[in-house]
Each structure stands twice: as C-alpha cells, then as structure tokens.
Amino acid sequence: MNITNAKFIVASGPVIIEDGKVLLNRHGDDNLWKFPGGRVESADFDSGRDALEMACKRESKEEMGIDVEIIRPFKTLMVPHPEKSDTIIILVHYLAKRIGEIKAGADIKEYDWFDLNNLPDNCAPNIKTIVEEFLKESKKST
C-alpha cells in the first residue's frame, strides 16, 4: 500500500482487565471479539489535547455503559482496514479501570470476560498484540 494516498481512521478505546480477564465485546457486521472503542469524533476535540482520552471515555460509556479511569496508554498500532484497501486504522488503546456496572449499549451483540491466556479464536488482530504487551509488562513488574 502506498500510504501517501491512504485514508486514515483514528480509533481509541479502553483495555479493561480484572482478575486475569479482559473485557471484550462483539458489535458491527463482523463476528470478531474486540475491545470497547471506536472512531475519534469531532466532539472529542472539544477537550483540546486530550481528544484520544475523551474518545476512549466516550466509547466506554456508549458501548458498555461504564465510566473508566485511564491508567496508561499501550503502544499505538497501525493496521490495514479489513475491507478498504486504501484505508489504514490507527488504534490507540489505554489500560483502564472500570467504574460502575456494565450496561451494554444497543449496538453490542454480546460481551464477556476472557482469560488473558485463553482468548477466543475470533478476536480482532489487535487483541492478542495488546494482551501480549500487557502480560510481558506484568512479568517485568513482578
């Protein structure tokens, strides 16, 4: 792909891990398990330099009905759009703490907590990358 002419989508969302399990959901037309999250929207820029964090918090509320406390960012990923060959998705993930009980939004087909060492086969490609990063960092800090 020639990225000079590529279109870019920027998406942000939380990675919520509790008791060795990660929160994933299924939404949209595909059947993939994903972190909560989605596109950064114009309204997220109202907060100035915190647009990515605002998008993460907004998406958490929209998709899972929860607030989150952002702990830290993970490495940013760039992935090709699965359906649009001229589009690249920039994924910004934040390790986050859940605040409140989950009340899934109308567009969420299903959600569940998955063991970090036993993720479902039909995960979006970024899930395993981010979980591996989390596990590697966890081992260093113990």
N, C-alpha and C. Protein backbone atom coordinates (compact mmCIF):
# COMPACT_ATOMS: atom_id res chain seq x y z
N MET A 1 0.84 -1.19 0.00
CA MET A 1 0.00 0.00 0.00
C MET A 1 0.88 1.24 0.00
N ASN A 2 0.53 2.18 -0.81
CA ASN A 2 1.20 3.47 -0.84
C ASN A 2 0.50 4.37 0.18
N ILE A 3 1.12 4.59 1.34
CA ILE A 3 0.42 5.35 2.38
C ILE A 3 0.34 6.84 2.09
N THR A 4 1.05 7.29 1.08
CA THR A 4 0.96 8.70 0.71
C THR A 4 -0.46 9.08 0.33
N ASN A 5 -1.18 8.18 -0.30
CA ASN A 5 -2.56 8.45 -0.73
C ASN A 5 -3.59 7.75 0.15
N ALA A 6 -3.16 7.17 1.24
CA ALA A 6 -4.06 6.41 2.10
C ALA A 6 -4.98 7.33 2.90
N LYS A 7 -6.13 6.79 3.24
CA LYS A 7 -7.04 7.45 4.17
C LYS A 7 -6.77 6.85 5.55
N PHE A 8 -6.97 7.65 6.58
CA PHE A 8 -6.70 7.19 7.94
C PHE A 8 -7.94 7.32 8.81
N ILE A 9 -8.14 6.33 9.65
CA ILE A 9 -9.17 6.35 10.68
C ILE A 9 -8.43 6.24 12.01
N VAL A 10 -8.76 7.11 12.96
CA VAL A 10 -8.16 7.04 14.28
C VAL A 10 -9.24 6.54 15.24
N ALA A 11 -8.90 5.48 15.97
CA ALA A 11 -9.84 4.89 16.93
C ALA A 11 -9.17 4.78 18.29
N SER A 12 -9.99 4.87 19.34
CA SER A 12 -9.48 4.84 20.70
C SER A 12 -10.42 4.03 21.57
N GLY A 13 -9.85 3.37 22.57
CA GLY A 13 -10.70 2.61 23.48
C GLY A 13 -9.93 2.03 24.65
N PRO A 14 -10.68 1.57 25.66
CA PRO A 14 -10.05 1.04 26.86
C PRO A 14 -9.74 -0.44 26.74
N VAL A 15 -8.73 -0.86 27.48
CA VAL A 15 -8.42 -2.26 27.71
C VAL A 15 -8.66 -2.45 29.20
N ILE A 16 -9.74 -3.16 29.53
CA ILE A 16 -10.14 -3.32 30.92
C ILE A 16 -9.83 -4.76 31.34
N ILE A 17 -8.94 -4.89 32.32
CA ILE A 17 -8.50 -6.20 32.80
C ILE A 17 -8.79 -6.29 34.28
N GLU A 18 -9.51 -7.35 34.65
CA GLU A 18 -9.84 -7.59 36.06
C GLU A 18 -9.64 -9.06 36.37
N ASP A 19 -8.94 -9.36 37.43
CA ASP A 19 -8.75 -10.74 37.88
C ASP A 19 -8.27 -11.67 36.77
N GLY A 20 -7.32 -11.19 35.98
CA GLY A 20 -6.74 -12.02 34.92
C GLY A 20 -7.63 -12.20 33.70
N LYS A 21 -8.69 -11.40 33.60
CA LYS A 21 -9.59 -11.49 32.46
C LYS A 21 -9.75 -10.13 31.81
N VAL A 22 -9.97 -10.14 30.49
CA VAL A 22 -10.13 -8.92 29.72
C VAL A 22 -11.56 -8.83 29.19
N LEU A 23 -12.10 -7.62 29.21
CA LEU A 23 -13.45 -7.37 28.72
C LEU A 23 -13.42 -7.18 27.21
N LEU A 24 -14.18 -7.99 26.49
CA LEU A 24 -14.31 -7.88 25.04
C LEU A 24 -15.79 -7.85 24.68
N ASN A 25 -16.08 -7.28 23.51
CA ASN A 25 -17.45 -7.30 23.03
C ASN A 25 -17.50 -7.58 21.54
N ARG A 26 -18.69 -7.91 21.07
CA ARG A 26 -18.91 -8.10 19.64
C ARG A 26 -19.95 -7.08 19.20
N HIS A 27 -19.60 -6.31 18.17
CA HIS A 27 -20.53 -5.34 17.60
C HIS A 27 -20.14 -5.13 16.14
N GLY A 28 -21.02 -4.52 15.39
CA GLY A 28 -20.74 -4.30 13.97
C GLY A 28 -21.11 -5.51 13.14
N ASP A 29 -20.70 -5.48 11.89
CA ASP A 29 -21.09 -6.53 10.94
C ASP A 29 -20.24 -7.78 11.02
N ASP A 30 -19.05 -7.67 11.57
CA ASP A 30 -18.21 -8.86 11.64
C ASP A 30 -18.55 -9.66 12.90
N ASN A 31 -17.91 -10.76 13.08
CA ASN A 31 -18.17 -11.63 14.23
C ASN A 31 -16.98 -11.65 15.18
N LEU A 32 -16.18 -10.59 15.15
CA LEU A 32 -14.95 -10.56 15.93
C LEU A 32 -15.16 -10.00 17.33
N TRP A 33 -14.43 -10.58 18.28
CA TRP A 33 -14.37 -10.01 19.63
C TRP A 33 -13.40 -8.84 19.60
N LYS A 34 -13.79 -7.74 20.21
CA LYS A 34 -12.98 -6.52 20.19
C LYS A 34 -12.98 -5.87 21.57
N PHE A 35 -12.01 -4.99 21.77
CA PHE A 35 -12.06 -4.12 22.93
C PHE A 35 -13.19 -3.12 22.68
N PRO A 36 -13.81 -2.59 23.74
CA PRO A 36 -14.72 -1.47 23.51
C PRO A 36 -13.93 -0.33 22.86
N GLY A 37 -14.56 0.43 22.04
CA GLY A 37 -13.87 1.56 21.43
C GLY A 37 -14.40 1.87 20.06
N GLY A 38 -13.88 2.93 19.49
CA GLY A 38 -14.32 3.33 18.16
C GLY A 38 -13.63 4.59 17.69
N ARG A 39 -14.14 5.11 16.60
CA ARG A 39 -13.55 6.29 15.97
C ARG A 39 -13.52 7.51 16.88
N VAL A 40 -12.46 8.26 16.75
CA VAL A 40 -12.40 9.57 17.39
C VAL A 40 -13.33 10.48 16.59
N GLU A 41 -14.19 11.21 17.30
CA GLU A 41 -15.18 12.07 16.66
C GLU A 41 -14.83 13.54 16.89
N SER A 42 -15.44 14.40 16.09
CA SER A 42 -15.18 15.84 16.19
C SER A 42 -15.38 16.37 17.61
N ALA A 43 -16.44 15.90 18.28
CA ALA A 43 -16.73 16.40 19.63
C ALA A 43 -15.62 16.08 20.62
N ASP A 44 -14.85 15.02 20.36
CA ASP A 44 -13.75 14.66 21.25
C ASP A 44 -12.68 15.74 21.27
N PHE A 45 -12.59 16.53 20.21
CA PHE A 45 -11.58 17.58 20.13
C PHE A 45 -11.92 18.80 20.97
N ASP A 46 -13.16 18.86 21.48
CA ASP A 46 -13.54 19.98 22.34
C ASP A 46 -12.69 20.03 23.60
N SER A 47 -12.10 18.89 23.97
CA SER A 47 -11.27 18.83 25.17
C SER A 47 -9.83 19.24 24.90
N GLY A 48 -9.55 19.65 23.67
CA GLY A 48 -8.20 20.08 23.34
C GLY A 48 -7.26 18.91 23.13
N ARG A 49 -6.15 18.92 23.83
CA ARG A 49 -5.11 17.92 23.62
C ARG A 49 -5.48 16.53 24.14
N ASP A 50 -6.60 16.40 24.83
CA ASP A 50 -6.99 15.11 25.41
C ASP A 50 -8.01 14.37 24.54
N ALA A 51 -8.06 14.64 23.25
CA ALA A 51 -9.08 14.06 22.37
C ALA A 51 -9.08 12.53 22.37
N LEU A 52 -7.91 11.93 22.39
CA LEU A 52 -7.84 10.46 22.36
C LEU A 52 -8.39 9.86 23.65
N GLU A 53 -8.07 10.48 24.79
CA GLU A 53 -8.61 10.00 26.06
C GLU A 53 -10.11 10.24 26.15
N MET A 54 -10.57 11.38 25.63
CA MET A 54 -12.02 11.67 25.64
C MET A 54 -12.76 10.65 24.78
N ALA A 55 -12.20 10.29 23.64
CA ALA A 55 -12.83 9.29 22.78
C ALA A 55 -12.90 7.95 23.51
N CYS A 56 -11.85 7.57 24.22
CA CYS A 56 -11.81 6.33 24.98
C CYS A 56 -12.93 6.33 26.03
N LYS A 57 -13.07 7.41 26.75
CA LYS A 57 -14.10 7.51 27.79
C LYS A 57 -15.50 7.52 27.19
N ARG A 58 -15.68 8.25 26.10
CA ARG A 58 -16.99 8.32 25.45
C ARG A 58 -17.41 6.95 24.93
N GLU A 59 -16.48 6.26 24.26
CA GLU A 59 -16.79 4.94 23.71
C GLU A 59 -17.10 3.94 24.82
N SER A 60 -16.42 4.03 25.95
CA SER A 60 -16.71 3.16 27.09
C SER A 60 -18.15 3.34 27.56
N LYS A 61 -18.56 4.59 27.63
CA LYS A 61 -19.92 4.90 28.07
C LYS A 61 -20.94 4.43 27.04
N GLU A 62 -20.69 4.72 25.75
CA GLU A 62 -21.63 4.35 24.70
C GLU A 62 -21.79 2.84 24.58
N GLU A 63 -20.67 2.12 24.57
CA GLU A 63 -20.73 0.69 24.31
C GLU A 63 -21.05 -0.16 25.54
N MET A 64 -20.46 0.21 26.68
CA MET A 64 -20.58 -0.65 27.86
C MET A 64 -21.31 0.01 29.02
N GLY A 65 -21.68 1.28 28.89
CA GLY A 65 -22.43 1.96 29.94
C GLY A 65 -21.61 2.25 31.18
N ILE A 66 -20.30 2.29 31.05
CA ILE A 66 -19.42 2.49 32.21
C ILE A 66 -18.53 3.70 32.00
N ASP A 67 -18.07 4.24 33.11
CA ASP A 67 -17.00 5.23 33.08
C ASP A 67 -15.70 4.47 33.25
N VAL A 68 -14.60 5.09 32.84
CA VAL A 68 -13.29 4.48 33.04
C VAL A 68 -12.30 5.51 33.56
N GLU A 69 -11.36 5.00 34.32
CA GLU A 69 -10.21 5.79 34.74
C GLU A 69 -9.03 5.30 33.91
N ILE A 70 -8.45 6.18 33.13
CA ILE A 70 -7.33 5.80 32.28
C ILE A 70 -6.07 5.69 33.14
N ILE A 71 -5.39 4.55 33.00
CA ILE A 71 -4.17 4.30 33.77
C ILE A 71 -2.94 4.68 32.94
N ARG A 72 -2.87 4.16 31.71
CA ARG A 72 -1.73 4.48 30.85
C ARG A 72 -2.03 3.99 29.43
N PRO A 73 -1.32 4.55 28.45
CA PRO A 73 -1.50 4.07 27.08
C PRO A 73 -0.67 2.83 26.79
N PHE A 74 -1.14 2.06 25.82
CA PHE A 74 -0.35 0.98 25.23
C PHE A 74 0.30 1.54 23.98
N LYS A 75 1.16 0.75 23.33
CA LYS A 75 1.75 1.22 22.08
C LYS A 75 0.63 1.39 21.05
N THR A 76 0.80 2.37 20.21
CA THR A 76 -0.17 2.65 19.15
C THR A 76 0.06 1.69 17.99
N LEU A 77 -1.03 1.18 17.42
CA LEU A 77 -0.95 0.24 16.31
C LEU A 77 -1.51 0.87 15.04
N MET A 78 -0.92 0.50 13.92
CA MET A 78 -1.46 0.86 12.60
C MET A 78 -1.76 -0.44 11.88
N VAL A 79 -3.03 -0.59 11.45
CA VAL A 79 -3.44 -1.82 10.77
C VAL A 79 -4.22 -1.47 9.52
N PRO A 80 -4.11 -2.30 8.49
CA PRO A 80 -4.91 -2.05 7.30
C PRO A 80 -6.39 -2.28 7.59
N HIS A 81 -7.24 -1.49 6.99
CA HIS A 81 -8.68 -1.68 7.13
C HIS A 81 -9.04 -3.02 6.50
N PRO A 82 -9.85 -3.84 7.15
CA PRO A 82 -10.13 -5.18 6.61
C PRO A 82 -10.94 -5.17 5.31
N GLU A 83 -11.64 -4.08 5.02
CA GLU A 83 -12.50 -4.04 3.83
C GLU A 83 -12.12 -2.96 2.83
N LYS A 84 -11.31 -1.99 3.23
CA LYS A 84 -10.97 -0.87 2.35
C LYS A 84 -9.46 -0.83 2.15
N SER A 85 -9.01 -1.22 0.97
CA SER A 85 -7.57 -1.36 0.73
C SER A 85 -6.82 -0.03 0.75
N ASP A 86 -7.52 1.09 0.67
CA ASP A 86 -6.86 2.39 0.67
C ASP A 86 -6.92 3.07 2.05
N THR A 87 -7.28 2.30 3.08
CA THR A 87 -7.50 2.89 4.40
C THR A 87 -6.68 2.18 5.48
N ILE A 88 -6.10 2.97 6.37
CA ILE A 88 -5.31 2.48 7.49
C ILE A 88 -6.00 2.93 8.78
N ILE A 89 -6.08 2.03 9.74
CA ILE A 89 -6.67 2.36 11.04
C ILE A 89 -5.54 2.53 12.05
N ILE A 90 -5.55 3.65 12.75
CA ILE A 90 -4.61 3.90 13.84
C ILE A 90 -5.37 3.62 15.13
N LEU A 91 -4.89 2.64 15.89
CA LEU A 91 -5.56 2.19 17.11
C LEU A 91 -4.79 2.66 18.33
N VAL A 92 -5.48 3.40 19.20
CA VAL A 92 -4.88 3.90 20.43
C VAL A 92 -5.62 3.25 21.59
N HIS A 93 -4.93 2.37 22.31
CA HIS A 93 -5.51 1.64 23.43
C HIS A 93 -5.00 2.21 24.75
N TYR A 94 -5.88 2.21 25.75
CA TYR A 94 -5.49 2.66 27.09
C TYR A 94 -5.84 1.59 28.10
N LEU A 95 -4.89 1.21 28.95
CA LEU A 95 -5.21 0.38 30.09
C LEU A 95 -6.11 1.24 30.97
N ALA A 96 -7.26 0.69 31.36
CA ALA A 96 -8.23 1.50 32.10
C ALA A 96 -8.91 0.68 33.19
N LYS A 97 -9.35 1.38 34.20
CA LYS A 97 -10.08 0.77 35.31
C LYS A 97 -11.56 1.05 35.11
N ARG A 98 -12.36 0.01 35.24
CA ARG A 98 -13.81 0.14 35.09
C ARG A 98 -14.39 0.83 36.31
N ILE A 99 -15.33 1.75 36.07
CA ILE A 99 -16.08 2.41 37.13
C ILE A 99 -17.56 2.19 36.84
N GLY A 100 -18.21 1.41 37.69
CA GLY A 100 -19.63 1.14 37.52
C GLY A 100 -19.89 -0.24 36.96
N GLU A 101 -21.16 -0.57 36.91
CA GLU A 101 -21.60 -1.87 36.40
C GLU A 101 -21.88 -1.77 34.90
N ILE A 102 -21.59 -2.84 34.19
CA ILE A 102 -21.77 -2.86 32.74
C ILE A 102 -23.25 -2.88 32.39
N LYS A 103 -23.63 -2.00 31.49
CA LYS A 103 -24.97 -1.96 30.89
C LYS A 103 -24.74 -1.78 29.40
N ALA A 104 -24.59 -2.88 28.69
CA ALA A 104 -24.20 -2.84 27.28
C ALA A 104 -25.15 -1.99 26.45
N GLY A 105 -24.56 -1.23 25.51
CA GLY A 105 -25.33 -0.40 24.61
C GLY A 105 -26.11 -1.22 23.59
N ALA A 106 -27.03 -0.58 22.91
CA ALA A 106 -27.93 -1.25 21.98
C ALA A 106 -27.20 -1.93 20.83
N ASP A 107 -26.04 -1.40 20.41
CA ASP A 107 -25.33 -1.99 19.27
C ASP A 107 -24.38 -3.13 19.67
N ILE A 108 -24.32 -3.46 20.95
CA ILE A 108 -23.47 -4.56 21.41
C ILE A 108 -24.25 -5.87 21.32
N LYS A 109 -23.75 -6.78 20.50
CA LYS A 109 -24.40 -8.09 20.34
C LYS A 109 -24.16 -8.98 21.56
N GLU A 110 -22.95 -8.87 22.11
CA GLU A 110 -22.55 -9.76 23.19
C GLU A 110 -21.28 -9.19 23.82
N TYR A 111 -21.11 -9.44 25.11
CA TYR A 111 -19.84 -9.11 25.77
C TYR A 111 -19.51 -10.20 26.76
N ASP A 112 -18.22 -10.32 27.09
CA ASP A 112 -17.80 -11.33 28.04
C ASP A 112 -16.40 -11.00 28.54
N TRP A 113 -16.02 -11.65 29.62
CA TRP A 113 -14.68 -11.56 30.18
C TRP A 113 -13.92 -12.81 29.76
N PHE A 114 -12.73 -12.64 29.20
CA PHE A 114 -11.92 -13.76 28.72
C PHE A 114 -10.60 -13.82 29.46
N ASP A 115 -10.19 -15.04 29.80
CA ASP A 115 -8.91 -15.27 30.45
C ASP A 115 -7.80 -14.75 29.52
N LEU A 116 -6.86 -14.03 30.08
CA LEU A 116 -5.77 -13.45 29.29
C LEU A 116 -4.95 -14.50 28.54
N ASN A 117 -4.91 -15.71 29.07
CA ASN A 117 -4.15 -16.79 28.44
C ASN A 117 -5.00 -17.73 27.61
N ASN A 118 -6.27 -17.39 27.43
CA ASN A 118 -7.17 -18.25 26.66
C ASN A 118 -8.19 -17.39 25.92
N LEU A 119 -7.71 -16.58 25.00
CA LEU A 119 -8.57 -15.69 24.23
C LEU A 119 -9.31 -16.47 23.14
N PRO A 120 -10.48 -16.01 22.75
CA PRO A 120 -11.21 -16.71 21.68
C PRO A 120 -10.46 -16.60 20.35
N ASP A 121 -10.68 -17.60 19.49
CA ASP A 121 -10.01 -17.61 18.19
C ASP A 121 -10.44 -16.45 17.30
N ASN A 122 -11.69 -16.02 17.44
CA ASN A 122 -12.21 -14.97 16.55
C ASN A 122 -12.09 -13.57 17.17
N CYS A 123 -10.87 -13.26 17.61
CA CYS A 123 -10.55 -11.91 18.11
C CYS A 123 -10.07 -11.04 16.95
N ALA A 124 -10.33 -9.75 17.05
CA ALA A 124 -9.71 -8.80 16.13
C ALA A 124 -8.19 -8.92 16.30
N PRO A 125 -7.42 -8.68 15.25
CA PRO A 125 -5.95 -8.89 15.31
C PRO A 125 -5.24 -8.10 16.40
N ASN A 126 -5.74 -6.93 16.77
CA ASN A 126 -5.07 -6.12 17.78
C ASN A 126 -5.20 -6.67 19.19
N ILE A 127 -6.18 -7.52 19.44
CA ILE A 127 -6.43 -8.01 20.80
C ILE A 127 -5.22 -8.77 21.34
N LYS A 128 -4.77 -9.75 20.59
CA LYS A 128 -3.65 -10.58 21.07
C LYS A 128 -2.37 -9.76 21.21
N THR A 129 -2.15 -8.81 20.31
CA THR A 129 -0.96 -7.96 20.39
C THR A 129 -0.94 -7.16 21.69
N ILE A 130 -2.07 -6.55 22.03
CA ILE A 130 -2.14 -5.72 23.23
C ILE A 130 -2.10 -6.58 24.49
N VAL A 131 -2.79 -7.72 24.49
CA VAL A 131 -2.77 -8.60 25.67
C VAL A 131 -1.35 -9.13 25.89
N GLU A 132 -0.65 -9.50 24.82
CA GLU A 132 0.74 -9.95 24.96
C GLU A 132 1.61 -8.85 25.56
N GLU A 133 1.41 -7.61 25.11
CA GLU A 133 2.17 -6.49 25.67
C GLU A 133 1.88 -6.35 27.17
N PHE A 134 0.63 -6.46 27.55
CA PHE A 134 0.25 -6.36 28.96
C PHE A 134 0.91 -7.47 29.78
N LEU A 135 0.83 -8.70 29.28
CA LEU A 135 1.41 -9.83 30.02
C LEU A 135 2.92 -9.70 30.16
N LYS A 136 3.59 -9.25 29.10
CA LYS A 136 5.04 -9.05 29.14
C LYS A 136 5.41 -7.99 30.18
N GLU A 137 4.68 -6.89 30.20
CA GLU A 137 4.95 -5.82 31.17
C GLU A 137 4.64 -6.26 32.59
N SER A 138 3.60 -7.09 32.74
CA SER A 138 3.24 -7.59 34.07
C SER A 138 4.33 -8.47 34.65
N LYS A 139 4.97 -9.28 33.80
CA LYS A 139 6.05 -10.15 34.25
C LYS A 139 7.26 -9.34 34.69
N LYS A 140 7.53 -8.22 34.01
CA LYS A 140 8.67 -7.38 34.36
C LYS A 140 8.48 -6.73 35.73
N SER A 141 7.22 -6.40 36.06
CA SER A 141 6.96 -5.66 37.31
C SER A 141 6.82 -6.57 38.52
N THR A 142 6.86 -7.90 38.31
CA THR A 142 6.73 -8.81 39.45
C THR A 142 8.08 -9.36 39.88
